[in-house]
C-alpha atoms as a PDB file:
ATOM      1  CA  MET A   1     -23.564 -30.411  84.470  1.00  0.00           C
ATOM      2  CA  ASN A   2     -20.206 -30.690  82.483  1.00  0.00           C
ATOM      3  CA  SER A   3     -20.125 -30.183  78.513  1.00  0.00           C
ATOM      4  CA  GLY A   4     -19.583 -33.723  78.154  1.00  0.00           C
ATOM      5  CA  LEU A   5     -23.382 -34.705  79.290  1.00  0.00           C
ATOM      6  CA  TYR A   6     -24.587 -31.563  77.045  1.00  0.00           C
ATOM      7  CA  LEU A   7     -22.727 -33.301  74.239  1.00  0.00           C
ATOM      8  CA  ALA A   8     -24.111 -36.820  74.832  1.00  0.00           C
ATOM      9  CA  PHE A   9     -27.991 -35.534  75.206  1.00  0.00           C
ATOM     10  CA  THR A  10     -27.064 -33.908  71.759  1.00  0.00           C
ATOM     11  CA  PHE A  11     -25.995 -36.936  70.003  1.00  0.00           C
ATOM     12  CA  PHE A  12     -28.869 -38.891  71.765  1.00  0.00           C
ATOM     13  CA  LEU A  13     -31.511 -36.108  70.282  1.00  0.00           C
ATOM     14  CA  ILE A  14     -29.899 -36.601  66.804  1.00  0.00           C
ATOM     15  CA  ALA A  15     -29.758 -40.573  66.929  1.00  0.00           C
ATOM     16  CA  SER A  16     -33.377 -40.438  68.190  1.00  0.00           C
ATOM     17  CA  SER A  17     -34.559 -38.058  65.291  1.00  0.00           C
ATOM     18  CA  LEU A  18     -32.838 -40.194  62.771  1.00  0.00           C
ATOM     19  CA  ALA A  19     -34.353 -43.826  64.299  1.00  0.00           C
ATOM     20  CA  TYR A  20     -37.864 -42.210  64.029  1.00  0.00           C
ATOM     21  CA  PHE A  21     -37.313 -40.963  60.245  1.00  0.00           C
ATOM     22  CA  LYS A  22     -36.619 -44.233  59.223  1.00  0.00           C
ATOM     23  CA  VAL A  23     -39.732 -45.465  61.260  1.00  0.00           C
ATOM     24  CA  ALA A  24     -41.807 -42.705  59.896  1.00  0.00           C
ATOM     25  CA  ARG A  25     -40.810 -43.547  56.119  1.00  0.00           C
ATOM     26  CA  ILE A  26     -41.509 -47.213  56.605  1.00  0.00           C
ATOM     27  CA  TYR A  27     -45.156 -46.733  58.362  1.00  0.00           C
ATOM     28  CA  LYS A  28     -45.961 -43.209  55.776  1.00  0.00           C
ATOM     29  CA  ILE A  29     -46.096 -40.800  58.496  1.00  0.00           C
ATOM     30  CA  VAL A  30     -45.682 -37.967  56.130  1.00  0.00           C
ATOM     31  CA  ASP A  31     -47.320 -34.578  54.951  1.00  0.00           C
ATOM     32  CA  LEU A  32     -48.344 -34.500  51.306  1.00  0.00           C
ATOM     33  CA  PRO A  33     -48.767 -31.306  49.706  1.00  0.00           C
ATOM     34  CA  ASN A  34     -52.285 -29.930  49.260  1.00  0.00           C
ATOM     35  CA  HIS A  35     -54.357 -26.683  48.772  1.00  0.00           C
ATOM     36  CA  ARG A  36     -54.012 -25.824  52.496  1.00  0.00           C
ATOM     37  CA  THR A  37     -49.916 -26.573  52.849  1.00  0.00           C
ATOM     38  CA  MET A  38     -47.027 -24.669  52.103  1.00  0.00           C
ATOM     39  CA  HIS A  39     -44.492 -27.027  51.261  1.00  0.00           C
ATOM     40  CA  ASP A  40     -43.659 -29.266  48.180  1.00  0.00           C
ATOM     41  CA  GLY A  41     -43.298 -32.767  48.377  1.00  0.00           C
ATOM     42  CA  ALA A  42     -43.610 -35.494  50.830  1.00  0.00           C
ATOM     43  CA  THR A  43     -42.296 -34.199  54.262  1.00  0.00           C
ATOM     44  CA  ILE A  44     -41.974 -36.487  57.609  1.00  0.00           C
ATOM     45  CA  ARG A  45     -44.593 -35.499  59.907  1.00  0.00           C
ATOM     46  CA  GLY A  46     -44.145 -35.603  63.949  1.00  0.00           C
ATOM     47  CA  GLY A  47     -40.520 -34.967  63.981  1.00  0.00           C
ATOM     48  CA  GLY A  48     -40.999 -32.758  67.103  1.00  0.00           C
ATOM     49  CA  ILE A  49     -41.702 -36.548  69.183  1.00  0.00           C
ATOM     50  CA  VAL A  50     -37.949 -36.295  70.151  1.00  0.00           C
ATOM     51  CA  ILE A  51     -38.683 -33.113  72.279  1.00  0.00           C
ATOM     52  CA  PRO A  52     -40.871 -34.539  74.846  1.00  0.00           C
ATOM     53  CA  ILE A  53     -39.225 -37.692  75.148  1.00  0.00           C
ATOM     54  CA  ALA A  54     -35.871 -35.823  75.670  1.00  0.00           C
ATOM     55  CA  ILE A  55     -37.446 -33.925  78.179  1.00  0.00           C
ATOM     56  CA  ILE A  56     -39.596 -36.417  80.199  1.00  0.00           C
ATOM     57  CA  LEU A  57     -36.134 -38.406  80.309  1.00  0.00           C
ATOM     58  CA  CYS A  58     -34.233 -35.087  81.895  1.00  0.00           C
ATOM     59  CA  SER A  59     -37.166 -34.542  84.119  1.00  0.00           C
ATOM     60  CA  VAL A  60     -37.226 -38.295  85.467  1.00  0.00           C
ATOM     61  CA  PHE A  61     -33.398 -38.046  86.126  1.00  0.00           C
ATOM     62  CA  MET A  62     -32.979 -34.333  87.411  1.00  0.00           C
ATOM     63  CA  ASP A  63     -36.076 -34.753  89.643  1.00  0.00           C
ATOM     64  CA  GLN A  64     -37.586 -31.749  88.251  1.00  0.00           C
ATOM     65  CA  PRO A  65     -40.136 -30.512  87.332  1.00  0.00           C
ATOM     66  CA  GLY A  66     -41.984 -33.155  88.902  1.00  0.00           C
ATOM     67  CA  PHE A  67     -44.525 -35.813  88.319  1.00  0.00           C
ATOM     68  CA  TYR A  68     -47.798 -33.465  87.246  1.00  0.00           C
ATOM     69  CA  PHE A  69     -45.494 -31.739  84.881  1.00  0.00           C
ATOM     70  CA  ILE A  70     -44.309 -35.157  83.138  1.00  0.00           C
ATOM     71  CA  ALA A  71     -48.051 -36.529  83.268  1.00  0.00           C
ATOM     72  CA  GLY A  72     -48.977 -33.439  81.304  1.00  0.00           C
ATOM     73  CA  LEU A  73     -46.151 -33.224  78.965  1.00  0.00           C
ATOM     74  CA  ALA A  74     -46.698 -37.113  78.015  1.00  0.00           C
ATOM     75  CA  THR A  75     -50.128 -36.613  77.620  1.00  0.00           C
ATOM     76  CA  LEU A  76     -50.207 -34.112  75.120  1.00  0.00           C
ATOM     77  CA  GLY A  77     -47.365 -35.917  73.650  1.00  0.00           C
ATOM     78  CA  VAL A  78     -49.554 -39.095  73.069  1.00  0.00           C
ATOM     79  CA  THR A  79     -52.556 -37.114  72.110  1.00  0.00           C
ATOM     80  CA  GLY A  80     -50.461 -35.139  69.433  1.00  0.00           C
ATOM     81  CA  PHE A  81     -48.755 -37.994  68.073  1.00  0.00           C
ATOM     82  CA  LEU A  82     -52.016 -39.735  67.773  1.00  0.00           C
ATOM     83  CA  ASP A  83     -53.250 -36.771  66.104  1.00  0.00           C
ATOM     84  CA  ASP A  84     -50.450 -36.663  63.583  1.00  0.00           C
ATOM     85  CA  ILE A  85     -51.141 -40.394  62.492  1.00  0.00           C
ATOM     86  CA  ILE A  86     -54.931 -40.677  62.770  1.00  0.00           C
ATOM     87  CA  ASP A  87     -56.289 -37.115  62.773  1.00  0.00           C
ATOM     88  CA  LEU A  88     -58.303 -37.105  66.429  1.00  0.00           C
ATOM     89  CA  SER A  89     -61.533 -35.073  66.462  1.00  0.00           C
ATOM     90  CA  SER A  90     -61.511 -31.966  68.618  1.00  0.00           C
ATOM     91  CA  LYS A  91     -63.779 -33.753  70.966  1.00  0.00           C
ATOM     92  CA  ALA A  92     -61.073 -35.876  71.894  1.00  0.00           C
ATOM     93  CA  ARG A  93     -58.114 -33.308  71.804  1.00  0.00           C
ATOM     94  CA  PHE A  94     -59.423 -30.565  73.810  1.00  0.00           C
ATOM     95  CA  PRO A  95     -60.332 -32.144  77.065  1.00  0.00           C
ATOM     96  CA  LEU A  96     -57.076 -33.740  77.013  1.00  0.00           C
ATOM     97  CA  GLN A  97     -55.467 -30.347  76.454  1.00  0.00           C
ATOM     98  CA  PHE A  98     -57.325 -29.024  79.363  1.00  0.00           C
ATOM     99  CA  PHE A  99     -56.480 -31.882  81.590  1.00  0.00           C
ATOM    100  CA  SER A 100     -52.798 -31.354  80.710  1.00  0.00           C
ATOM    101  CA  ILE A 101     -53.097 -27.540  81.878  1.00  0.00           C
ATOM    102  CA  ILE A 102     -54.565 -28.408  85.062  1.00  0.00           C
ATOM    103  CA  LEU A 103     -51.695 -30.946  85.790  1.00  0.00           C
ATOM    104  CA  ILE A 104     -49.349 -27.839  85.475  1.00  0.00           C
ATOM    105  CA  VAL A 105     -51.445 -25.946  87.826  1.00  0.00           C
ATOM    106  CA  LEU A 106     -51.208 -28.597  90.312  1.00  0.00           C
ATOM    107  CA  GLU A 107     -47.459 -29.009  89.529  1.00  0.00           C
ATOM    108  CA  LEU A 108     -46.746 -25.397  90.481  1.00  0.00           C
ATOM    109  CA  ASN A 109     -49.326 -25.624  93.589  1.00  0.00           C
ATOM    110  CA  LEU A 110     -51.415 -22.634  92.147  1.00  0.00           C
ATOM    111  CA  LEU A 111     -54.759 -24.166  93.764  1.00  0.00           C
ATOM    112  CA  SER A 112     -54.867 -21.829  96.796  1.00  0.00           C
ATOM    113  CA  ILE A 113     -55.062 -18.570  94.626  1.00  0.00           C
ATOM    114  CA  ASN A 114     -58.143 -17.074  93.451  1.00  0.00           C
ATOM    115  CA  PRO A 115     -60.317 -19.225  91.025  1.00  0.00           C
ATOM    116  CA  LEU A 116     -60.724 -16.400  88.650  1.00  0.00           C
ATOM    117  CA  TRP A 117     -57.067 -16.336  88.102  1.00  0.00           C
ATOM    118  CA  ILE A 118     -56.956 -20.319  87.801  1.00  0.00           C
ATOM    119  CA  LEU A 119     -59.844 -19.684  85.041  1.00  0.00           C
ATOM    120  CA  LEU A 120     -58.040 -17.055  83.245  1.00  0.00           C
ATOM    121  CA  ILE A 121     -54.498 -19.363  83.532  1.00  0.00           C
ATOM    122  CA  ILE A 122     -56.333 -22.120  81.827  1.00  0.00           C
ATOM    123  CA  ILE A 123     -57.928 -20.000  78.954  1.00  0.00           C
ATOM    124  CA  VAL A 124     -54.845 -18.570  78.305  1.00  0.00           C
ATOM    125  CA  ALA A 125     -52.586 -21.924  78.462  1.00  0.00           C
ATOM    126  CA  ALA A 126     -55.418 -23.445  76.254  1.00  0.00           C
ATOM    127  CA  GLY A 127     -55.266 -20.523  73.492  1.00  0.00           C
ATOM    128  CA  THR A 128     -51.443 -20.843  73.633  1.00  0.00           C
ATOM    129  CA  LEU A 129     -51.328 -24.575  72.992  1.00  0.00           C
ATOM    130  CA  ASN A 130     -53.752 -24.059  70.074  1.00  0.00           C
ATOM    131  CA  ALA A 131     -51.656 -20.948  68.627  1.00  0.00           C
ATOM    132  CA  PHE A 132     -48.406 -23.096  68.566  1.00  0.00           C
ATOM    133  CA  ASN A 133     -50.277 -25.940  66.901  1.00  0.00           C
ATOM    134  CA  PHE A 134     -52.063 -23.195  64.221  1.00  0.00           C
ATOM    135  CA  MET A 135     -48.773 -21.272  63.727  1.00  0.00           C
ATOM    136  CA  ASP A 136     -46.573 -24.401  62.445  1.00  0.00           C
ATOM    137  CA  GLY A 137     -47.132 -23.852  58.962  1.00  0.00           C
ATOM    138  CA  ILE A 138     -43.803 -22.991  57.483  1.00  0.00           C
ATOM    139  CA  ASN A 139     -40.251 -24.333  57.870  1.00  0.00           C
ATOM    140  CA  GLY A 140     -38.641 -22.946  61.110  1.00  0.00           C
ATOM    141  CA  MET A 141     -41.487 -21.152  62.614  1.00  0.00           C
ATOM    142  CA  THR A 142     -42.324 -23.622  65.527  1.00  0.00           C
ATOM    143  CA  GLY A 143     -38.397 -24.171  66.241  1.00  0.00           C
ATOM    144  CA  GLY A 144     -36.860 -20.829  65.618  1.00  0.00           C
ATOM    145  CA  TYR A 145     -39.500 -18.722  67.348  1.00  0.00           C
ATOM    146  CA  SER A 146     -39.453 -21.298  70.496  1.00  0.00           C
ATOM    147  CA  LEU A 147     -35.839 -20.721  70.405  1.00  0.00           C
ATOM    148  CA  VAL A 148     -36.278 -16.941  70.922  1.00  0.00           C
ATOM    149  CA  ALA A 149     -38.781 -17.746  73.999  1.00  0.00           C
ATOM    150  CA  VAL A 150     -36.064 -20.426  75.574  1.00  0.00           C
ATOM    151  CA  MET A 151     -33.164 -18.231  74.898  1.00  0.00           C
ATOM    152  CA  SER A 152     -34.920 -15.231  76.873  1.00  0.00           C
ATOM    153  CA  LEU A 153     -36.059 -17.316  79.338  1.00  0.00           C
ATOM    154  CA  LEU A 154     -32.496 -18.821  80.203  1.00  0.00           C
ATOM    155  CA  TYR A 155     -31.079 -15.117  80.139  1.00  0.00           C
ATOM    156  CA  VAL A 156     -34.154 -14.106  82.706  1.00  0.00           C
ATOM    157  CA  ASN A 157     -32.810 -17.038  84.569  1.00  0.00           C
ATOM    158  CA  ILE A 158     -29.455 -16.563  84.812  1.00  0.00           C
ATOM    159  CA  ASN A 159     -29.247 -12.704  85.475  1.00  0.00           C
ATOM    160  CA  VAL A 160     -32.525 -11.472  86.614  1.00  0.00           C
ATOM    161  CA  ASP A 161     -34.271 -14.269  88.503  1.00  0.00           C
ATOM    162  CA  SER A 162     -33.595 -17.734  89.098  1.00  0.00           C
ATOM    163  CA  PHE A 163     -36.900 -19.674  88.848  1.00  0.00           C
ATOM    164  CA  ILE A 164     -35.635 -22.967  87.608  1.00  0.00           C
ATOM    165  CA  SER A 165     -32.457 -24.935  87.067  1.00  0.00           C
ATOM    166  CA  SER A 166     -30.712 -23.322  84.232  1.00  0.00           C
ATOM    167  CA  GLU A 167     -29.588 -26.791  83.157  1.00  0.00           C
ATOM    168  CA  PHE A 168     -33.294 -27.927  82.300  1.00  0.00           C
ATOM    169  CA  LEU A 169     -33.540 -24.691  80.455  1.00  0.00           C
ATOM    170  CA  ILE A 170     -30.267 -25.752  78.309  1.00  0.00           C
ATOM    171  CA  LEU A 171     -31.439 -29.256  77.662  1.00  0.00           C
ATOM    172  CA  PHE A 172     -34.466 -27.864  76.197  1.00  0.00           C
ATOM    173  CA  LEU A 173     -33.042 -25.231  74.176  1.00  0.00           C
ATOM    174  CA  LEU A 174     -30.642 -28.028  72.632  1.00  0.00           C
ATOM    175  CA  SER A 175     -33.678 -30.082  71.984  1.00  0.00           C
ATOM    176  CA  LEU A 176     -34.567 -27.041  69.888  1.00  0.00           C
ATOM    177  CA  LEU A 177     -31.548 -26.794  68.131  1.00  0.00           C
ATOM    178  CA  VAL A 178     -31.508 -30.580  67.021  1.00  0.00           C
ATOM    179  CA  PHE A 179     -35.078 -30.357  65.743  1.00  0.00           C
ATOM    180  CA  ASN A 180     -34.098 -26.884  63.857  1.00  0.00           C
ATOM    181  CA  PHE A 181     -31.222 -28.748  62.281  1.00  0.00           C
ATOM    182  CA  PHE A 182     -33.711 -31.075  60.378  1.00  0.00           C
ATOM    183  CA  ASN A 183     -36.398 -28.265  60.060  1.00  0.00           C
ATOM    184  CA  PHE A 184     -35.085 -24.999  59.812  1.00  0.00           C
ATOM    185  CA  ARG A 185     -33.660 -25.335  56.083  1.00  0.00           C
ATOM    186  CA  ASN A 186     -35.531 -24.419  52.545  1.00  0.00           C
ATOM    187  CA  LYS A 187     -36.620 -28.040  52.157  1.00  0.00           C
ATOM    188  CA  ALA A 188     -37.174 -29.424  55.723  1.00  0.00           C
ATOM    189  CA  ILE A 189     -36.722 -33.172  56.550  1.00  0.00           C
ATOM    190  CA  CYS A 190     -39.445 -33.060  58.985  1.00  0.00           C
ATOM    191  CA  PHE A 191     -42.180 -31.121  60.528  1.00  0.00           C
ATOM    192  CA  ALA A 192     -42.742 -30.833  64.447  1.00  0.00           C
ATOM    193  CA  GLY A 193     -46.259 -32.112  63.982  1.00  0.00           C
ATOM    194  CA  ASP A 194     -49.083 -31.658  66.493  1.00  0.00           C
ATOM    195  CA  VAL A 195     -46.755 -33.776  68.985  1.00  0.00           C
ATOM    196  CA  GLY A 196     -43.784 -31.569  68.631  1.00  0.00           C
ATOM    197  CA  SER A 197     -45.897 -27.947  68.568  1.00  0.00           C
ATOM    198  CA  LEU A 198     -48.215 -29.068  71.288  1.00  0.00           C
ATOM    199  CA  THR A 199     -45.393 -30.329  73.542  1.00  0.00           C
ATOM    200  CA  VAL A 200     -43.031 -27.429  73.156  1.00  0.00           C
ATOM    201  CA  ALA A 201     -46.026 -25.236  73.930  1.00  0.00           C
ATOM    202  CA  PHE A 202     -47.103 -27.023  76.967  1.00  0.00           C
ATOM    203  CA  ILE A 203     -43.045 -26.426  78.578  1.00  0.00           C
ATOM    204  CA  ILE A 204     -42.925 -22.962  77.404  1.00  0.00           C
ATOM    205  CA  ILE A 205     -46.262 -22.460  79.156  1.00  0.00           C
ATOM    206  CA  TYR A 206     -45.262 -23.944  82.414  1.00  0.00           C
ATOM    207  CA  LEU A 207     -41.672 -21.802  82.330  1.00  0.00           C
ATOM    208  CA  LEU A 208     -43.731 -18.815  82.072  1.00  0.00           C
ATOM    209  CA  ILE A 209     -46.605 -19.583  84.549  1.00  0.00           C
ATOM    210  CA  LYS A 210     -43.852 -20.352  86.851  1.00  0.00           C
ATOM    211  CA  LEU A 211     -41.694 -17.275  86.212  1.00  0.00           C
ATOM    212  CA  ILE A 212     -44.837 -15.172  86.372  1.00  0.00           C
ATOM    213  CA  SER A 213     -45.954 -16.798  89.290  1.00  0.00           C
ATOM    214  CA  GLU A 214     -42.752 -16.498  91.314  1.00  0.00           C
ATOM    215  CA  THR A 215     -42.019 -12.712  90.038  1.00  0.00           C
ATOM    216  CA  ASN A 216     -45.308 -11.431  89.890  1.00  0.00           C
ATOM    217  CA  GLN A 217     -44.131  -9.748  86.832  1.00  0.00           C
ATOM    218  CA  PHE A 218     -47.348 -10.619  84.229  1.00  0.00           C
ATOM    219  CA  VAL A 219     -45.242  -8.475  81.654  1.00  0.00           C
ATOM    220  CA  PHE A 220     -43.558 -11.870  80.981  1.00  0.00           C
ATOM    221  CA  ILE A 221     -46.484 -12.860  78.906  1.00  0.00           C
ATOM    222  CA  LEU A 222     -45.164 -10.697  76.075  1.00  0.00           C
ATOM    223  CA  PHE A 223     -42.604 -13.271  75.482  1.00  0.00           C
ATOM    224  CA  LEU A 224     -45.385 -14.582  73.079  1.00  0.00           C
ATOM    225  CA  THR A 225     -46.395 -11.418  71.700  1.00  0.00           C
ATOM    226  CA  LEU A 226     -46.290 -11.916  67.727  1.00  0.00           C
ATOM    227  CA  TYR A 227     -48.043 -15.594  67.919  1.00  0.00           C
ATOM    228  CA  GLY A 228     -50.636 -13.917  70.211  1.00  0.00           C
ATOM    229  CA  ILE A 229     -51.415 -11.101  67.931  1.00  0.00           C
ATOM    230  CA  ASP A 230     -51.087 -13.231  64.536  1.00  0.00           C
ATOM    231  CA  THR A 231     -53.618 -16.031  66.307  1.00  0.00           C
ATOM    232  CA  ILE A 232     -56.270 -13.586  67.837  1.00  0.00           C
ATOM    233  CA  PHE A 233     -56.491 -11.421  64.568  1.00  0.00           C
ATOM    234  CA  THR A 234     -56.545 -14.529  62.197  1.00  0.00           C
ATOM    235  CA  ILE A 235     -59.626 -16.335  64.580  1.00  0.00           C
ATOM    236  CA  VAL A 236     -61.547 -12.857  64.165  1.00  0.00           C
ATOM    237  CA  GLN A 237     -60.759 -12.737  60.391  1.00  0.00           C
ATOM    238  CA  ARG A 238     -62.004 -16.469  60.079  1.00  0.00           C
ATOM    239  CA  LEU A 239     -65.112 -15.672  62.324  1.00  0.00           C
ATOM    240  CA  ARG A 240     -65.990 -12.728  59.821  1.00  0.00           C
ATOM    241  CA  LEU A 241     -65.480 -15.058  56.810  1.00  0.00           C
ATOM    242  CA  ARG A 242     -67.879 -17.604  58.867  1.00  0.00           C
ATOM    243  CA  GLU A 243     -65.021 -20.201  58.703  1.00  0.00           C
ATOM    244  CA  ASN A 244     -64.711 -23.102  61.152  1.00  0.00           C
ATOM    245  CA  ILE A 245     -61.595 -21.746  62.917  1.00  0.00           C
ATOM    246  CA  PHE A 246     -60.684 -25.132  64.094  1.00  0.00           C
ATOM    247  CA  GLU A 247     -59.853 -26.451  60.433  1.00  0.00           C
ATOM    248  CA  ALA A 248     -56.532 -25.865  58.483  1.00  0.00           C
ATOM    249  CA  HIS A 249     -55.925 -22.756  56.389  1.00  0.00           C
ATOM    250  CA  LYS A 250     -53.434 -20.233  54.870  1.00  0.00           C
ATOM    251  CA  LEU A 251     -54.529 -16.894  56.514  1.00  0.00           C
ATOM    252  CA  HIS A 252     -51.878 -16.354  59.186  1.00  0.00           C
ATOM    253  CA  LEU A 253     -49.914 -13.329  58.532  1.00  0.00           C
ATOM    254  CA  PHE A 254     -46.512 -15.265  57.599  1.00  0.00           C
ATOM    255  CA  GLN A 255     -48.941 -17.565  55.246  1.00  0.00           C
ATOM    256  CA  VAL A 256     -50.235 -14.548  53.256  1.00  0.00           C
ATOM    257  CA  ILE A 257     -46.609 -12.674  52.928  1.00  0.00           C
ATOM    258  CA  VAL A 258     -45.075 -15.931  51.960  1.00  0.00           C
ATOM    259  CA  SER A 259     -47.837 -16.716  49.226  1.00  0.00           C
ATOM    260  CA  LYS A 260     -47.989 -12.745  48.164  1.00  0.00           C
ATOM    261  CA  THR A 261     -44.413 -11.612  48.248  1.00  0.00           C
ATOM    262  CA  GLY A 262     -42.270 -14.805  47.480  1.00  0.00           C
ATOM    263  CA  LEU A 263     -40.466 -14.303  50.755  1.00  0.00           C
ATOM    264  CA  SER A 264     -39.011 -17.487  51.761  1.00  0.00           C
ATOM    265  CA  HIS A 265     -40.073 -19.735  54.610  1.00  0.00           C
ATOM    266  CA  LEU A 266     -36.937 -19.115  56.548  1.00  0.00           C
ATOM    267  CA  GLN A 267     -36.802 -15.447  55.767  1.00  0.00           C
ATOM    268  CA  MET A 268     -40.239 -15.292  57.205  1.00  0.00           C
ATOM    269  CA  SER A 269     -39.207 -17.295  59.963  1.00  0.00           C
ATOM    270  CA  GLY A 270     -36.390 -15.190  60.826  1.00  0.00           C
ATOM    271  CA  LEU A 271     -38.302 -12.194  60.536  1.00  0.00           C
ATOM    272  CA  TYR A 272     -40.807 -13.442  63.241  1.00  0.00           C
ATOM    273  CA  MET A 273     -37.856 -14.055  65.576  1.00  0.00           C
ATOM    274  CA  THR A 274     -36.088 -11.055  65.031  1.00  0.00           C
ATOM    275  CA  VAL A 275     -39.226  -8.959  65.670  1.00  0.00           C
ATOM    276  CA  GLN A 276     -40.385 -11.011  68.845  1.00  0.00           C
ATOM    277  CA  MET A 277     -36.766 -10.878  70.015  1.00  0.00           C
ATOM    278  CA  MET A 278     -36.686  -7.009  69.762  1.00  0.00           C
ATOM    279  CA  VAL A 279     -39.925  -7.134  72.141  1.00  0.00           C
ATOM    280  CA  ASN A 280     -38.503  -9.784  74.301  1.00  0.00           C
ATOM    281  CA  VAL A 281     -35.739  -7.246  74.914  1.00  0.00           C
ATOM    282  CA  MET A 282     -38.223  -4.530  75.739  1.00  0.00           C
ATOM    283  CA  VAL A 283     -39.790  -6.721  78.293  1.00  0.00           C
ATOM    284  CA  ILE A 284     -36.418  -7.453  80.184  1.00  0.00           C
ATOM    285  CA  TYR A 285     -35.921  -3.620  80.391  1.00  0.00           C
ATOM    286  CA  MET A 286     -39.638  -3.063  81.579  1.00  0.00           C
ATOM    287  CA  ILE A 287     -39.208  -5.529  84.573  1.00  0.00           C
ATOM    288  CA  ASN A 288     -37.547  -2.676  86.515  1.00  0.00           C
ATOM    289  CA  LEU A 289     -40.135   0.005  86.196  1.00  0.00           C
ATOM    290  CA  GLN A 290     -43.288   0.897  87.792  1.00  0.00           C
ATOM    291  CA  LEU A 291     -46.489  -1.120  86.980  1.00  0.00           C
ATOM    292  CA  LEU A 292     -48.101   2.201  85.559  1.00  0.00           C
ATOM    293  CA  ASP A 293     -45.186   2.746  82.956  1.00  0.00           C
ATOM    294  CA  GLN A 294     -45.108  -1.153  82.138  1.00  0.00           C
ATOM    295  CA  ILE A 295     -48.793  -0.724  81.000  1.00  0.00           C
ATOM    296  CA  LEU A 296     -48.425   2.163  79.119  1.00  0.00           C
ATOM    297  CA  ILE A 297     -45.185   0.778  77.164  1.00  0.00           C
ATOM    298  CA  SER A 298     -46.719  -2.545  76.873  1.00  0.00           C
ATOM    299  CA  SER A 299     -49.995  -0.840  75.389  1.00  0.00           C
ATOM    300  CA  VAL A 300     -47.926   1.235  72.869  1.00  0.00           C
ATOM    301  CA  MET A 301     -45.994  -1.871  71.788  1.00  0.00           C
ATOM    302  CA  LEU A 302     -49.044  -4.044  71.554  1.00  0.00           C
ATOM    303  CA  ALA A 303     -51.155  -1.028  69.377  1.00  0.00           C
ATOM    304  CA  GLY A 304     -48.181  -0.413  67.242  1.00  0.00           C
ATOM    305  CA  LEU A 305     -47.633  -4.087  66.504  1.00  0.00           C
ATOM    306  CA  SER A 306     -51.486  -4.709  65.841  1.00  0.00           C
ATOM    307  CA  VAL A 307     -51.759  -1.930  63.525  1.00  0.00           C
ATOM    308  CA  THR A 308     -48.954  -2.924  61.784  1.00  0.00           C
ATOM    309  CA  TYR A 309     -50.327  -6.278  61.171  1.00  0.00           C
ATOM    310  CA  ILE A 310     -53.456  -5.001  59.932  1.00  0.00           C
ATOM    311  CA  VAL A 311     -52.391  -2.693  57.560  1.00  0.00           C
ATOM    312  CA  ILE A 312     -49.657  -5.338  55.859  1.00  0.00           C
ATOM    313  CA  LYS A 313     -52.668  -7.960  55.870  1.00  0.00           C
ATOM    314  CA  ILE A 314     -54.964  -5.819  54.403  1.00  0.00           C
ATOM    315  CA  LYS A 315     -52.587  -4.434  51.902  1.00  0.00           C
ATOM    316  CA  LEU A 316     -51.514  -7.938  50.787  1.00  0.00           C
ATOM    317  CA  MET A 317     -55.101  -9.704  50.537  1.00  0.00           C
ATOM    318  CA  LYS A 318     -56.518  -6.867  48.347  1.00  0.00           C
END
């Protein structure tokens, strides 16, 4: 694909975003500040809608990924957008999320593997979808963190193992860059919303499962290390507090740091991006090591990050 098509795609994304902003203002699809949010003033919700629309169009014209991927992405896109405008109940959302994950399994022809592996894929993928949704709490977090993941996947695709068309990854990267243009700023023009966070997570999940299934390198799951640690420990904390883990809150580490230290949203997002990029560099280094070495290094890295997380959070919340 030549540079002219990439440029045209970028302009299409920008024009689509501006058109959506106009519609969102007319119909008041906005987030208003409340005791559970960390922004000032009304901000357009669902700005991430251009990402699934763009990726679906790309998939149709490129004829890859296939029908099941498109159907799963469209399912989550519609579900997320409805949740953004009318607040769907978990009874409606979760079955559709599981359905979309099953479509990934079908897309990658994984039904022939051990059923326990399929069950594990569904559980981890469902957790990842909701982790991306829960972590969409400050400017730049979803877009910036996803950029790190996709840039790492693009590097692997070009230099380590080609598991998908690089053009698809570049188009996904451009979609994230355009979204970040409107979101990665001190006063964001828009938020990703459920439609953005869920669909971005779906695409990344698909890419990671495809990469892992083709390389048998499970270490690539560490490309989502920080989101995993923050989500798991926050769920444990909320369960100890006997809170509903599906309700909005401000207990993620990045939320606590911003509220307690005065660190800006962009600084906090940048910190998560930097640490995750360092982890990803280590992951790429590890893929040439023996399995036992990978397990040892991964365990030390996860233990170190977990202890750091706990110490910082306890200190700030005293």
